[in-house]
């Protein structure tokens, strides 16, 4: 008597399989959307030091061969401050 109606009804294993397929497809779609959103956010962020690409070439590199007096004074001040912060005395 029940076997005649089973033609249009699915048993529990078939329903479970269909439900798992639908859930799996839903999760794949959800993960894909999260991935695309994260990729869009990453492209909008500023570059972190070392990740950006710079040409690195100076316009006139020969002008850095010999430092000028101002650059030497600045270097001396930096060395004095660094030595002082470490408890050392810097003497020329």
Protein backbone atom coordinates (compact mmCIF):
# COMPACT_ATOMS: atom_id res chain seq x y z
CA UNK A 1 0.00 0.00 0.00
CA UNK A 2 2.82 2.43 0.79
CA UNK A 3 4.94 1.27 -2.10
CA UNK A 4 2.57 2.84 -4.65
CA UNK A 5 3.01 6.35 -3.18
CA UNK A 6 6.84 6.09 -3.00
CA UNK A 7 7.12 6.96 -6.64
CA UNK A 8 6.82 10.69 -5.90
CA UNK A 9 8.29 10.75 -2.38
CA UNK A 10 11.97 10.78 -1.49
CA UNK A 11 13.29 8.81 1.44
CA UNK A 12 15.39 10.39 4.17
CA UNK A 13 18.78 9.55 2.62
CA UNK A 14 17.79 11.26 -0.63
CA UNK A 15 16.52 14.29 1.29
CA UNK A 16 19.70 14.38 3.34
CA UNK A 17 21.85 14.18 0.21
CA UNK A 18 19.91 16.98 -1.47
CA UNK A 19 20.13 19.11 1.68
CA UNK A 20 23.90 18.56 1.93
CA UNK A 21 24.37 19.51 -1.72
CA UNK A 22 22.34 22.69 -1.26
CA UNK A 23 24.24 23.60 1.92
CA UNK A 24 27.59 22.92 0.23
CA UNK A 25 26.70 25.09 -2.76
CA UNK A 26 25.51 27.84 -0.40
CA UNK A 27 28.79 27.75 1.55
CA UNK A 28 30.86 27.83 -1.64
CA UNK A 29 28.90 30.87 -2.83
CA UNK A 30 29.27 32.58 0.56
CA UNK A 31 33.05 31.93 0.70
CA UNK A 32 33.44 33.16 -2.88
CA UNK A 33 31.68 36.42 -2.03
CA UNK A 34 33.85 36.91 1.10
CA UNK A 35 36.97 36.26 -0.97
CA UNK A 36 35.98 38.84 -3.59
CA UNK A 37 35.16 41.41 -0.91
CA UNK A 38 38.50 40.84 0.84
CA UNK A 39 40.40 41.15 -2.44
CA UNK A 40 38.63 44.46 -3.14
CA UNK A 41 39.52 45.75 0.34
CA UNK A 42 43.18 44.74 -0.04
CA UNK A 43 43.47 46.66 -3.31
CA UNK A 44 42.17 49.82 -1.62
CA UNK A 45 44.66 49.68 1.26
CA UNK A 46 47.89 51.69 1.16
CA UNK A 47 51.08 49.78 0.37
CA UNK A 48 53.12 48.56 3.32
CA UNK A 49 56.84 49.31 3.28
CA UNK A 50 58.55 46.74 1.11
CA UNK A 51 55.38 45.82 -0.81
CA UNK A 52 55.30 48.89 -3.03
CA UNK A 53 57.43 49.02 -6.14
CA UNK A 54 59.64 52.07 -6.56
CA UNK A 55 62.11 52.76 -9.32
CA UNK A 56 64.87 53.56 -6.82
CA UNK A 57 67.04 55.52 -9.20
CA UNK A 58 68.32 58.95 -8.28
CA UNK A 59 68.07 61.71 -10.88
CA UNK A 60 71.70 62.71 -10.38
CA UNK A 61 73.49 59.99 -8.38
CA UNK A 62 76.87 61.70 -8.63
CA UNK A 63 75.73 64.46 -6.27
CA UNK A 64 75.73 61.89 -3.43
CA UNK A 65 79.39 60.96 -3.93
CA UNK A 66 80.67 63.74 -1.66
CA UNK A 67 78.46 64.96 1.22
CA UNK A 68 78.11 68.69 1.77
CA UNK A 69 78.81 70.45 5.08
CA UNK A 70 75.12 70.53 6.06
CA UNK A 71 74.80 66.76 5.62
CA UNK A 72 77.94 66.20 7.68
CA UNK A 73 76.60 68.42 10.49
CA UNK A 74 73.33 66.51 10.50
CA UNK A 75 75.17 63.18 10.66
CA UNK A 76 77.28 64.44 13.58
CA UNK A 77 74.13 65.51 15.46
CA UNK A 78 72.55 62.11 14.83
CA UNK A 79 75.61 60.27 16.06
CA UNK A 80 75.79 62.42 19.19
CA UNK A 81 72.11 61.83 19.98
CA UNK A 82 72.45 58.08 19.36
CA UNK A 83 75.51 57.86 21.61
CA UNK A 84 73.80 59.91 24.32
CA UNK A 85 70.69 57.69 24.25
CA UNK A 86 72.93 54.65 24.81
CA UNK A 87 74.83 56.29 27.65
CA UNK A 88 78.01 56.80 25.65
CA UNK A 89 79.97 59.93 25.02
CA UNK A 90 80.63 60.80 21.40
CA UNK A 91 83.87 62.58 20.66
CA UNK A 92 85.31 63.60 17.30
